[in-house]
Amino acid sequence: MDKKNIRHQMLQKLNTMNIENHARLSREIIQHVIQLDAYKNAKTIGVTISRFPEVDTRPFIEAAWEAGKKIVVPKCIRETRAMDFRLITSFEQLETVYIDLLEPIVNETSSVRKEDIELQIVPGVVFSKDGYRIGFGGGYYDRYMADYKGETISLAFNCQTTEVVPTEHHDIPVNTIITEKKIIDCQRNRKSS
């Protein structure tokens, strides 16, 4: 099956999730993340503002702010499919752009260099145990991560993980996947396969 069909099937499955269960599982995932050294050691964290049925990133962002961390959120540059991560200190600094995505308001936020972001929370729809992912189809993160040197983590419900996903030469895997049930060390899985 190709990426498009796998993405479609998983999104259909996720869209049937009960709202309360979705919120509870999202909180469980976030509790696992904030125990990780990669999180504890990061001063600046890149993360998207999620939309249902993705793992809810708002509680994660609030916890990071409480811990004194800087949160940077991507502004997508559609013409080049690049991302400009911008520092936000409040959800009020976001605006709705195309397809209901929330992005930073440019004149209320400042740009942060890629090398100053120690941890990147990478979104996706389906994830393999070795860290490859099927995203939402735009290719933004694979372009961004091609020369990113920091830690990469994806947040996923356990049902979003699988043994393998179809990959292409430009796909960049993440280092770790966190679900409500487990922490998957993708780097170790890549070395052992």
N, C-alpha and C. Protein backbone atom coordinates (compact mmCIF):
# COMPACT_ATOMS: atom_id res chain seq x y z
N MET A 1 0.85 -1.19 0.00
CA MET A 1 0.00 0.00 0.00
C MET A 1 0.90 1.25 0.00
N ASP A 2 0.48 2.30 -0.70
CA ASP A 2 1.31 3.50 -0.75
C ASP A 2 1.02 4.43 0.44
N LYS A 3 1.88 5.42 0.59
CA LYS A 3 1.79 6.33 1.74
C LYS A 3 0.44 7.02 1.83
N LYS A 4 -0.08 7.44 0.69
CA LYS A 4 -1.35 8.18 0.68
C LYS A 4 -2.48 7.33 1.26
N ASN A 5 -2.55 6.07 0.85
CA ASN A 5 -3.60 5.18 1.36
C ASN A 5 -3.41 4.85 2.83
N ILE A 6 -2.16 4.62 3.24
CA ILE A 6 -1.88 4.32 4.65
C ILE A 6 -2.25 5.52 5.51
N ARG A 7 -1.88 6.72 5.05
CA ARG A 7 -2.22 7.96 5.77
C ARG A 7 -3.74 8.09 5.91
N HIS A 8 -4.45 7.88 4.80
CA HIS A 8 -5.90 8.02 4.79
C HIS A 8 -6.56 7.04 5.77
N GLN A 9 -6.11 5.78 5.73
CA GLN A 9 -6.69 4.77 6.62
C GLN A 9 -6.45 5.11 8.09
N MET A 10 -5.23 5.54 8.42
CA MET A 10 -4.92 5.87 9.81
C MET A 10 -5.71 7.08 10.28
N LEU A 11 -5.83 8.10 9.45
CA LEU A 11 -6.60 9.29 9.84
C LEU A 11 -8.06 8.94 10.06
N GLN A 12 -8.60 8.06 9.23
CA GLN A 12 -9.98 7.60 9.43
C GLN A 12 -10.13 6.92 10.79
N LYS A 13 -9.16 6.07 11.12
CA LYS A 13 -9.18 5.36 12.40
C LYS A 13 -9.07 6.34 13.56
N LEU A 14 -8.14 7.28 13.47
CA LEU A 14 -7.93 8.25 14.55
C LEU A 14 -9.15 9.16 14.75
N ASN A 15 -9.80 9.50 13.66
CA ASN A 15 -10.97 10.38 13.74
C ASN A 15 -12.15 9.77 14.49
N THR A 16 -12.10 8.46 14.71
CA THR A 16 -13.17 7.81 15.47
C THR A 16 -12.89 7.82 16.97
N MET A 17 -11.73 8.35 17.38
CA MET A 17 -11.39 8.34 18.80
C MET A 17 -12.36 9.18 19.62
N ASN A 18 -12.69 8.66 20.78
CA ASN A 18 -13.50 9.37 21.75
C ASN A 18 -12.69 10.56 22.29
N ILE A 19 -13.29 11.73 22.41
CA ILE A 19 -12.60 12.97 22.82
C ILE A 19 -11.93 12.81 24.19
N GLU A 20 -12.65 12.22 25.16
CA GLU A 20 -12.09 12.06 26.50
C GLU A 20 -10.89 11.11 26.48
N ASN A 21 -11.00 10.03 25.74
CA ASN A 21 -9.91 9.07 25.63
C ASN A 21 -8.71 9.71 24.94
N HIS A 22 -8.98 10.48 23.89
CA HIS A 22 -7.93 11.20 23.17
C HIS A 22 -7.16 12.11 24.14
N ALA A 23 -7.88 12.87 24.96
CA ALA A 23 -7.25 13.80 25.90
C ALA A 23 -6.44 13.04 26.95
N ARG A 24 -7.00 11.93 27.47
CA ARG A 24 -6.31 11.15 28.51
C ARG A 24 -5.02 10.55 27.95
N LEU A 25 -5.09 9.94 26.77
CA LEU A 25 -3.90 9.34 26.17
C LEU A 25 -2.85 10.40 25.82
N SER A 26 -3.30 11.57 25.37
CA SER A 26 -2.36 12.67 25.08
C SER A 26 -1.60 13.05 26.35
N ARG A 27 -2.32 13.16 27.46
CA ARG A 27 -1.66 13.52 28.74
C ARG A 27 -0.66 12.44 29.16
N GLU A 28 -1.01 11.17 28.97
CA GLU A 28 -0.09 10.08 29.32
C GLU A 28 1.19 10.16 28.49
N ILE A 29 1.05 10.44 27.21
CA ILE A 29 2.22 10.57 26.32
C ILE A 29 3.10 11.72 26.80
N ILE A 30 2.49 12.84 27.12
CA ILE A 30 3.26 14.01 27.56
C ILE A 30 3.99 13.73 28.87
N GLN A 31 3.37 12.97 29.77
CA GLN A 31 4.05 12.59 31.02
C GLN A 31 5.32 11.80 30.74
N HIS A 32 5.28 10.93 29.72
CA HIS A 32 6.49 10.18 29.34
C HIS A 32 7.56 11.12 28.78
N VAL A 33 7.15 12.07 27.96
CA VAL A 33 8.11 12.97 27.31
C VAL A 33 8.86 13.79 28.34
N ILE A 34 8.15 14.34 29.32
CA ILE A 34 8.82 15.25 30.26
C ILE A 34 9.76 14.53 31.23
N GLN A 35 9.77 13.21 31.17
CA GLN A 35 10.74 12.42 31.97
C GLN A 35 12.05 12.19 31.20
N LEU A 36 12.05 12.45 29.91
CA LEU A 36 13.22 12.15 29.07
C LEU A 36 14.33 13.18 29.26
N ASP A 37 15.57 12.71 29.21
CA ASP A 37 16.72 13.61 29.27
C ASP A 37 16.71 14.60 28.12
N ALA A 38 16.31 14.14 26.92
CA ALA A 38 16.27 15.03 25.75
C ALA A 38 15.38 16.24 26.03
N TYR A 39 14.28 16.01 26.74
CA TYR A 39 13.38 17.12 27.13
C TYR A 39 14.00 17.94 28.25
N LYS A 40 14.47 17.27 29.28
CA LYS A 40 15.02 17.98 30.45
C LYS A 40 16.20 18.88 30.06
N ASN A 41 17.03 18.41 29.12
CA ASN A 41 18.24 19.15 28.73
C ASN A 41 17.97 20.26 27.71
N ALA A 42 16.81 20.24 27.08
CA ALA A 42 16.52 21.22 26.02
C ALA A 42 16.05 22.54 26.63
N LYS A 43 16.63 23.62 26.15
CA LYS A 43 16.18 24.96 26.55
C LYS A 43 15.13 25.49 25.57
N THR A 44 15.30 25.12 24.29
CA THR A 44 14.40 25.59 23.23
C THR A 44 13.85 24.38 22.49
N ILE A 45 12.52 24.31 22.38
CA ILE A 45 11.85 23.15 21.79
C ILE A 45 10.94 23.60 20.65
N GLY A 46 11.09 22.94 19.51
CA GLY A 46 10.22 23.19 18.36
C GLY A 46 9.04 22.24 18.39
N VAL A 47 7.84 22.75 18.18
CA VAL A 47 6.64 21.91 18.21
C VAL A 47 5.52 22.58 17.41
N THR A 48 4.68 21.78 16.78
CA THR A 48 3.52 22.33 16.08
C THR A 48 2.35 22.42 17.05
N ILE A 49 1.39 23.26 16.71
CA ILE A 49 0.13 23.31 17.45
C ILE A 49 -0.76 22.25 16.80
N SER A 50 -1.01 21.17 17.53
CA SER A 50 -1.72 20.04 16.94
C SER A 50 -3.19 20.34 16.68
N ARG A 51 -3.76 19.52 15.82
CA ARG A 51 -5.20 19.53 15.56
C ARG A 51 -5.70 18.11 15.77
N PHE A 52 -6.91 17.97 16.28
CA PHE A 52 -7.49 16.64 16.41
C PHE A 52 -7.48 15.98 15.03
N PRO A 53 -7.07 14.73 14.90
CA PRO A 53 -6.86 13.71 15.92
C PRO A 53 -5.40 13.50 16.34
N GLU A 54 -4.49 14.47 16.06
CA GLU A 54 -3.11 14.32 16.51
C GLU A 54 -3.05 14.33 18.03
N VAL A 55 -1.96 13.80 18.59
CA VAL A 55 -1.71 13.92 20.03
C VAL A 55 -1.75 15.42 20.35
N ASP A 56 -2.48 15.77 21.40
CA ASP A 56 -2.67 17.17 21.77
C ASP A 56 -1.37 17.75 22.33
N THR A 57 -0.80 18.74 21.62
CA THR A 57 0.47 19.33 22.07
C THR A 57 0.29 20.51 23.02
N ARG A 58 -0.92 21.01 23.19
CA ARG A 58 -1.10 22.18 24.08
C ARG A 58 -0.67 21.90 25.52
N PRO A 59 -1.07 20.77 26.13
CA PRO A 59 -0.59 20.50 27.48
C PRO A 59 0.93 20.38 27.56
N PHE A 60 1.53 19.85 26.49
CA PHE A 60 2.99 19.75 26.44
C PHE A 60 3.61 21.15 26.45
N ILE A 61 3.08 22.03 25.63
CA ILE A 61 3.59 23.40 25.55
C ILE A 61 3.44 24.11 26.90
N GLU A 62 2.29 23.94 27.54
CA GLU A 62 2.07 24.57 28.85
C GLU A 62 3.05 24.05 29.89
N ALA A 63 3.31 22.74 29.88
CA ALA A 63 4.27 22.15 30.82
C ALA A 63 5.68 22.69 30.56
N ALA A 64 6.03 22.83 29.28
CA ALA A 64 7.35 23.36 28.93
C ALA A 64 7.50 24.81 29.38
N TRP A 65 6.47 25.62 29.18
CA TRP A 65 6.52 27.00 29.66
C TRP A 65 6.70 27.04 31.17
N GLU A 66 5.95 26.20 31.88
CA GLU A 66 6.07 26.16 33.34
C GLU A 66 7.47 25.77 33.78
N ALA A 67 8.14 24.93 32.98
CA ALA A 67 9.50 24.50 33.28
C ALA A 67 10.55 25.52 32.83
N GLY A 68 10.10 26.65 32.29
CA GLY A 68 11.02 27.71 31.87
C GLY A 68 11.65 27.50 30.51
N LYS A 69 11.07 26.64 29.70
CA LYS A 69 11.63 26.39 28.37
C LYS A 69 11.02 27.33 27.33
N LYS A 70 11.79 27.55 26.28
CA LYS A 70 11.31 28.37 25.16
C LYS A 70 10.63 27.45 24.15
N ILE A 71 9.47 27.90 23.68
CA ILE A 71 8.72 27.12 22.68
C ILE A 71 8.72 27.90 21.36
N VAL A 72 9.13 27.18 20.31
CA VAL A 72 9.12 27.78 18.97
C VAL A 72 8.19 26.95 18.08
N VAL A 73 7.39 27.65 17.31
CA VAL A 73 6.34 27.04 16.48
C VAL A 73 6.60 27.42 15.02
N PRO A 74 6.40 26.47 14.09
CA PRO A 74 6.73 26.79 12.70
C PRO A 74 5.70 27.67 11.99
N LYS A 75 6.24 28.58 11.22
CA LYS A 75 5.48 29.34 10.22
C LYS A 75 5.87 28.70 8.89
N CYS A 76 4.92 28.11 8.20
CA CYS A 76 5.23 27.43 6.94
C CYS A 76 5.31 28.43 5.80
N ILE A 77 6.34 28.27 4.99
CA ILE A 77 6.53 29.11 3.81
C ILE A 77 6.14 28.24 2.61
N ARG A 78 4.91 28.41 2.16
CA ARG A 78 4.33 27.48 1.19
C ARG A 78 5.09 27.44 -0.13
N GLU A 79 5.63 28.57 -0.58
CA GLU A 79 6.30 28.62 -1.88
C GLU A 79 7.52 27.70 -1.92
N THR A 80 8.27 27.64 -0.82
CA THR A 80 9.51 26.84 -0.79
C THR A 80 9.37 25.58 0.07
N ARG A 81 8.22 25.42 0.74
CA ARG A 81 7.99 24.33 1.69
C ARG A 81 9.05 24.31 2.79
N ALA A 82 9.48 25.48 3.18
CA ALA A 82 10.41 25.64 4.30
C ALA A 82 9.61 26.04 5.53
N MET A 83 10.27 26.04 6.70
CA MET A 83 9.62 26.45 7.94
C MET A 83 10.50 27.45 8.67
N ASP A 84 9.86 28.46 9.21
CA ASP A 84 10.52 29.47 10.03
C ASP A 84 9.97 29.29 11.44
N PHE A 85 10.80 28.74 12.35
CA PHE A 85 10.34 28.53 13.72
C PHE A 85 10.43 29.85 14.49
N ARG A 86 9.31 30.21 15.15
CA ARG A 86 9.20 31.50 15.82
C ARG A 86 8.82 31.31 17.28
N LEU A 87 9.44 32.10 18.14
CA LEU A 87 9.24 32.02 19.58
C LEU A 87 7.86 32.53 19.96
N ILE A 88 7.11 31.68 20.69
CA ILE A 88 5.83 32.13 21.23
C ILE A 88 5.86 32.03 22.76
N THR A 89 5.21 32.96 23.42
CA THR A 89 5.11 32.93 24.88
C THR A 89 3.66 32.83 25.32
N SER A 90 2.75 32.79 24.34
CA SER A 90 1.32 32.71 24.62
C SER A 90 0.60 32.16 23.39
N PHE A 91 -0.49 31.44 23.64
CA PHE A 91 -1.31 30.96 22.52
C PHE A 91 -1.98 32.12 21.79
N GLU A 92 -2.00 33.30 22.42
CA GLU A 92 -2.58 34.49 21.78
C GLU A 92 -1.72 34.98 20.61
N GLN A 93 -0.49 34.49 20.51
CA GLN A 93 0.41 34.91 19.43
C GLN A 93 0.26 34.03 18.18
N LEU A 94 -0.83 33.28 18.12
CA LEU A 94 -1.09 32.39 16.99
C LEU A 94 -2.27 32.90 16.18
N GLU A 95 -2.26 32.56 14.89
CA GLU A 95 -3.39 32.89 14.01
C GLU A 95 -3.71 31.67 13.16
N THR A 96 -4.96 31.59 12.74
CA THR A 96 -5.38 30.48 11.88
C THR A 96 -5.02 30.80 10.44
N VAL A 97 -4.33 29.85 9.81
CA VAL A 97 -3.96 30.00 8.40
C VAL A 97 -4.69 28.91 7.62
N TYR A 98 -4.20 28.54 6.45
CA TYR A 98 -4.89 27.57 5.60
C TYR A 98 -5.14 26.25 6.34
N ILE A 99 -6.18 25.56 5.94
CA ILE A 99 -6.67 24.30 6.51
C ILE A 99 -6.62 24.27 8.05
N ASP A 100 -7.04 25.36 8.67
CA ASP A 100 -7.20 25.45 10.12
C ASP A 100 -5.90 25.28 10.92
N LEU A 101 -4.75 25.41 10.28
CA LEU A 101 -3.49 25.33 11.02
C LEU A 101 -3.28 26.62 11.82
N LEU A 102 -2.75 26.45 13.04
CA LEU A 102 -2.38 27.62 13.84
C LEU A 102 -0.89 27.84 13.69
N GLU A 103 -0.53 29.08 13.33
CA GLU A 103 0.86 29.45 13.16
C GLU A 103 1.14 30.76 13.87
N PRO A 104 2.42 31.05 14.15
CA PRO A 104 2.76 32.29 14.84
C PRO A 104 2.41 33.52 14.00
N ILE A 105 1.98 34.57 14.68
CA ILE A 105 1.76 35.87 14.03
C ILE A 105 3.14 36.50 13.88
N VAL A 106 3.55 36.76 12.66
CA VAL A 106 4.92 37.18 12.39
C VAL A 106 5.31 38.45 13.14
N ASN A 107 4.43 39.48 13.14
CA ASN A 107 4.83 40.74 13.77
C ASN A 107 4.73 40.72 15.30
N GLU A 108 4.33 39.56 15.88
CA GLU A 108 4.30 39.43 17.35
C GLU A 108 5.32 38.42 17.87
N THR A 109 6.08 37.82 16.96
CA THR A 109 7.02 36.76 17.35
C THR A 109 8.36 36.99 16.65
N SER A 110 9.40 36.33 17.17
CA SER A 110 10.72 36.46 16.54
C SER A 110 11.21 35.09 16.07
N SER A 111 11.96 35.12 14.99
CA SER A 111 12.50 33.91 14.38
C SER A 111 13.65 33.36 15.23
N VAL A 112 13.74 32.02 15.29
CA VAL A 112 14.81 31.35 16.04
C VAL A 112 15.57 30.46 15.08
N ARG A 113 16.90 30.53 15.14
CA ARG A 113 17.74 29.76 14.23
C ARG A 113 17.65 28.26 14.52
N LYS A 114 17.75 27.45 13.49
CA LYS A 114 17.67 26.00 13.61
C LYS A 114 18.67 25.46 14.63
N GLU A 115 19.88 26.00 14.61
CA GLU A 115 20.92 25.49 15.51
C GLU A 115 20.68 25.85 16.98
N ASP A 116 19.72 26.72 17.25
CA ASP A 116 19.39 27.09 18.63
C ASP A 116 18.22 26.27 19.18
N ILE A 117 17.70 25.34 18.39
CA ILE A 117 16.59 24.48 18.83
C ILE A 117 17.18 23.11 19.16
N GLU A 118 17.17 22.77 20.47
CA GLU A 118 17.81 21.51 20.89
C GLU A 118 16.92 20.29 20.69
N LEU A 119 15.61 20.50 20.70
CA LEU A 119 14.67 19.39 20.59
C LEU A 119 13.56 19.77 19.63
N GLN A 120 13.28 18.86 18.71
CA GLN A 120 12.21 19.09 17.73
C GLN A 120 11.17 17.97 17.89
N ILE A 121 9.92 18.37 18.17
CA ILE A 121 8.81 17.42 18.22
C ILE A 121 8.25 17.35 16.80
N VAL A 122 8.39 16.19 16.18
CA VAL A 122 8.08 16.03 14.76
C VAL A 122 6.72 15.35 14.59
N PRO A 123 5.78 16.01 13.91
CA PRO A 123 4.45 15.41 13.74
C PRO A 123 4.46 14.32 12.68
N GLY A 124 3.39 13.54 12.69
CA GLY A 124 3.24 12.50 11.68
C GLY A 124 1.93 11.76 11.88
N VAL A 125 1.65 10.84 10.98
CA VAL A 125 0.41 10.08 11.02
C VAL A 125 0.66 8.62 11.36
N VAL A 126 1.69 8.03 10.74
CA VAL A 126 2.06 6.63 10.99
C VAL A 126 3.57 6.58 11.18
N PHE A 127 4.01 5.74 12.13
CA PHE A 127 5.44 5.68 12.46
C PHE A 127 5.92 4.24 12.50
N SER A 128 7.12 4.00 11.95
CA SER A 128 7.73 2.67 12.04
C SER A 128 8.64 2.63 13.25
N LYS A 129 8.98 1.42 13.69
CA LYS A 129 9.80 1.26 14.90
C LYS A 129 11.21 1.83 14.71
N ASP A 130 11.65 2.02 13.46
CA ASP A 130 12.97 2.60 13.24
C ASP A 130 12.91 4.11 12.99
N GLY A 131 11.74 4.71 13.23
CA GLY A 131 11.64 6.17 13.22
C GLY A 131 11.20 6.82 11.94
N TYR A 132 10.94 6.02 10.91
CA TYR A 132 10.43 6.62 9.67
C TYR A 132 8.94 6.91 9.86
N ARG A 133 8.46 7.91 9.15
CA ARG A 133 7.09 8.36 9.39
C ARG A 133 6.40 8.69 8.08
N ILE A 134 5.10 8.56 8.13
CA ILE A 134 4.27 9.09 7.07
C ILE A 134 3.64 10.34 7.67
N GLY A 135 4.00 11.48 7.10
CA GLY A 135 3.48 12.74 7.62
C GLY A 135 2.17 13.11 6.94
N PHE A 136 1.95 14.40 6.85
CA PHE A 136 0.69 14.87 6.26
C PHE A 136 0.83 15.16 4.77
N GLY A 137 2.00 14.88 4.20
CA GLY A 137 2.16 14.92 2.76
C GLY A 137 2.81 16.17 2.20
N GLY A 138 3.19 17.11 3.05
CA GLY A 138 3.79 18.33 2.54
C GLY A 138 5.30 18.28 2.37
N GLY A 139 5.96 17.37 3.10
CA GLY A 139 7.42 17.25 3.00
C GLY A 139 8.19 18.32 3.77
N TYR A 140 7.49 19.14 4.55
CA TYR A 140 8.15 20.24 5.27
C TYR A 140 9.21 19.72 6.24
N TYR A 141 8.87 18.72 7.04
CA TYR A 141 9.79 18.26 8.08
C TYR A 141 10.98 17.50 7.52
N ASP A 142 10.80 16.72 6.45
CA ASP A 142 11.95 16.04 5.87
C ASP A 142 12.96 17.05 5.34
N ARG A 143 12.47 18.13 4.73
CA ARG A 143 13.38 19.19 4.27
C ARG A 143 14.09 19.83 5.46
N TYR A 144 13.33 20.14 6.50
CA TYR A 144 13.88 20.81 7.67
C TYR A 144 14.93 19.94 8.38
N MET A 145 14.63 18.65 8.51
CA MET A 145 15.50 17.77 9.30
C MET A 145 16.74 17.30 8.53
N ALA A 146 16.81 17.58 7.25
CA ALA A 146 17.95 17.11 6.45
C ALA A 146 19.28 17.57 7.04
N ASP A 147 19.33 18.76 7.63
CA ASP A 147 20.57 19.24 8.25
C ASP A 147 20.36 19.68 9.71
N TYR A 148 19.32 19.16 10.34
CA TYR A 148 19.05 19.49 11.75
C TYR A 148 19.90 18.58 12.64
N LYS A 149 20.57 19.16 13.62
CA LYS A 149 21.52 18.40 14.45
C LYS A 149 20.98 18.05 15.85
N GLY A 150 19.83 18.60 16.23
CA GLY A 150 19.30 18.36 17.57
C GLY A 150 18.56 17.03 17.69
N GLU A 151 17.94 16.83 18.85
CA GLU A 151 17.15 15.63 19.12
C GLU A 151 15.80 15.71 18.41
N THR A 152 15.30 14.57 17.95
CA THR A 152 13.98 14.53 17.31
C THR A 152 13.12 13.46 17.99
N ILE A 153 11.92 13.87 18.35
CA ILE A 153 10.96 12.98 19.02
C ILE A 153 9.61 13.14 18.32
N SER A 154 8.90 12.04 18.17
CA SER A 154 7.52 12.11 17.69
C SER A 154 6.60 11.60 18.78
N LEU A 155 5.44 12.23 18.89
CA LEU A 155 4.40 11.83 19.83
C LEU A 155 3.34 11.09 19.02
N ALA A 156 2.96 9.90 19.48
CA ALA A 156 2.00 9.11 18.71
C ALA A 156 1.17 8.24 19.64
N PHE A 157 -0.05 8.01 19.27
CA PHE A 157 -0.84 7.00 19.95
C PHE A 157 -0.28 5.64 19.53
N ASN A 158 -0.35 4.67 20.42
CA ASN A 158 0.23 3.36 20.14
C ASN A 158 -0.28 2.77 18.83
N CYS A 159 -1.55 3.02 18.51
CA CYS A 159 -2.13 2.48 17.27
C CYS A 159 -1.50 3.08 16.02
N GLN A 160 -0.74 4.18 16.16
CA GLN A 160 -0.10 4.81 15.00
C GLN A 160 1.26 4.18 14.68
N THR A 161 1.71 3.23 15.49
CA THR A 161 3.02 2.62 15.25
C THR A 161 2.86 1.30 14.53
N THR A 162 3.85 1.00 13.70
CA THR A 162 3.85 -0.23 12.91
C THR A 162 5.30 -0.68 12.72
N GLU A 163 5.48 -1.87 12.21
CA GLU A 163 6.84 -2.38 12.01
C GLU A 163 7.61 -1.55 10.97
N VAL A 164 7.00 -1.36 9.81
CA VAL A 164 7.66 -0.62 8.73
C VAL A 164 6.65 0.27 8.01
N VAL A 165 7.17 1.33 7.40
CA VAL A 165 6.37 2.17 6.51
C VAL A 165 7.16 2.32 5.20
N PRO A 166 6.47 2.57 4.09
CA PRO A 166 7.20 2.81 2.84
C PRO A 166 8.09 4.04 2.99
N THR A 167 9.32 3.96 2.48
CA THR A 167 10.24 5.10 2.59
C THR A 167 10.75 5.50 1.21
N GLU A 168 11.17 6.75 1.14
CA GLU A 168 11.81 7.28 -0.07
C GLU A 168 13.18 7.82 0.34
N HIS A 169 14.04 8.07 -0.63
CA HIS A 169 15.43 8.44 -0.34
C HIS A 169 15.54 9.72 0.51
N HIS A 170 14.56 10.63 0.42
CA HIS A 170 14.65 11.90 1.14
C HIS A 170 14.04 11.83 2.55
N ASP A 171 13.45 10.70 2.93
CA ASP A 171 12.82 10.59 4.24
C ASP A 171 13.87 10.58 5.35
N ILE A 172 13.60 11.34 6.40
CA ILE A 172 14.51 11.45 7.55
C ILE A 172 13.80 10.87 8.77
N PRO A 173 14.40 9.85 9.42
CA PRO A 173 13.75 9.26 10.59
C PRO A 173 13.95 10.11 11.85
N VAL A 174 13.07 9.92 12.83
CA VAL A 174 13.22 10.56 14.14
C VAL A 174 14.01 9.63 15.05
N ASN A 175 14.54 10.19 16.16
CA ASN A 175 15.34 9.39 17.09
C ASN A 175 14.49 8.56 18.05
N THR A 176 13.34 9.12 18.45
CA THR A 176 12.52 8.49 19.49
C THR A 176 11.04 8.70 19.17
N ILE A 177 10.23 7.69 19.47
CA ILE A 177 8.77 7.83 19.38
C ILE A 177 8.21 7.54 20.76
N ILE A 178 7.33 8.40 21.24
CA ILE A 178 6.71 8.24 22.54
C ILE A 178 5.22 7.95 22.34
N THR A 179 4.75 6.82 22.86
CA THR A 179 3.32 6.53 22.86
C THR A 179 2.86 6.44 24.32
N GLU A 180 1.58 6.21 24.52
CA GLU A 180 1.06 6.06 25.88
C GLU A 180 1.57 4.77 26.52
N LYS A 181 2.03 3.82 25.70
CA LYS A 181 2.45 2.52 26.22
C LYS A 181 3.96 2.31 26.25
N LYS A 182 4.69 3.03 25.39
CA LYS A 182 6.13 2.73 25.31
C LYS A 182 6.93 3.90 24.77
N ILE A 183 8.24 3.80 25.01
CA ILE A 183 9.21 4.72 24.42
C ILE A 183 10.03 3.89 23.44
N ILE A 184 9.98 4.27 22.18
CA ILE A 184 10.66 3.50 21.14
C ILE A 184 11.98 4.19 20.78
N ASP A 185 13.08 3.48 21.02
CA ASP A 185 14.42 3.99 20.69
C ASP A 185 14.69 3.65 19.22
N CYS A 186 14.35 4.57 18.35
CA CYS A 186 14.43 4.32 16.90
C CYS A 186 15.87 4.19 16.42
N GLN A 187 16.77 4.93 17.04
CA GLN A 187 18.19 4.85 16.64
C GLN A 187 18.71 3.43 16.88
N ARG A 188 18.39 2.87 18.04
CA ARG A 188 18.83 1.50 18.35
C ARG A 188 18.19 0.52 17.38
N ASN A 189 16.91 0.71 17.08
CA ASN A 189 16.23 -0.20 16.13
C ASN A 189 16.84 -0.13 14.74
N ARG A 190 17.30 1.07 14.32
CA ARG A 190 17.94 1.19 12.99
C ARG A 190 19.28 0.46 12.98
N LYS A 191 20.02 0.54 14.09
CA LYS A 191 21.33 -0.13 14.16
C LYS A 191 21.19 -1.65 14.15
N SER A 192 20.10 -2.15 14.78
CA SER A 192 19.95 -3.60 14.89
C SER A 192 19.26 -4.23 13.69
N SER A 193 18.78 -3.40 12.75
CA SER A 193 18.09 -4.00 11.59
C SER A 193 18.99 -4.08 10.38
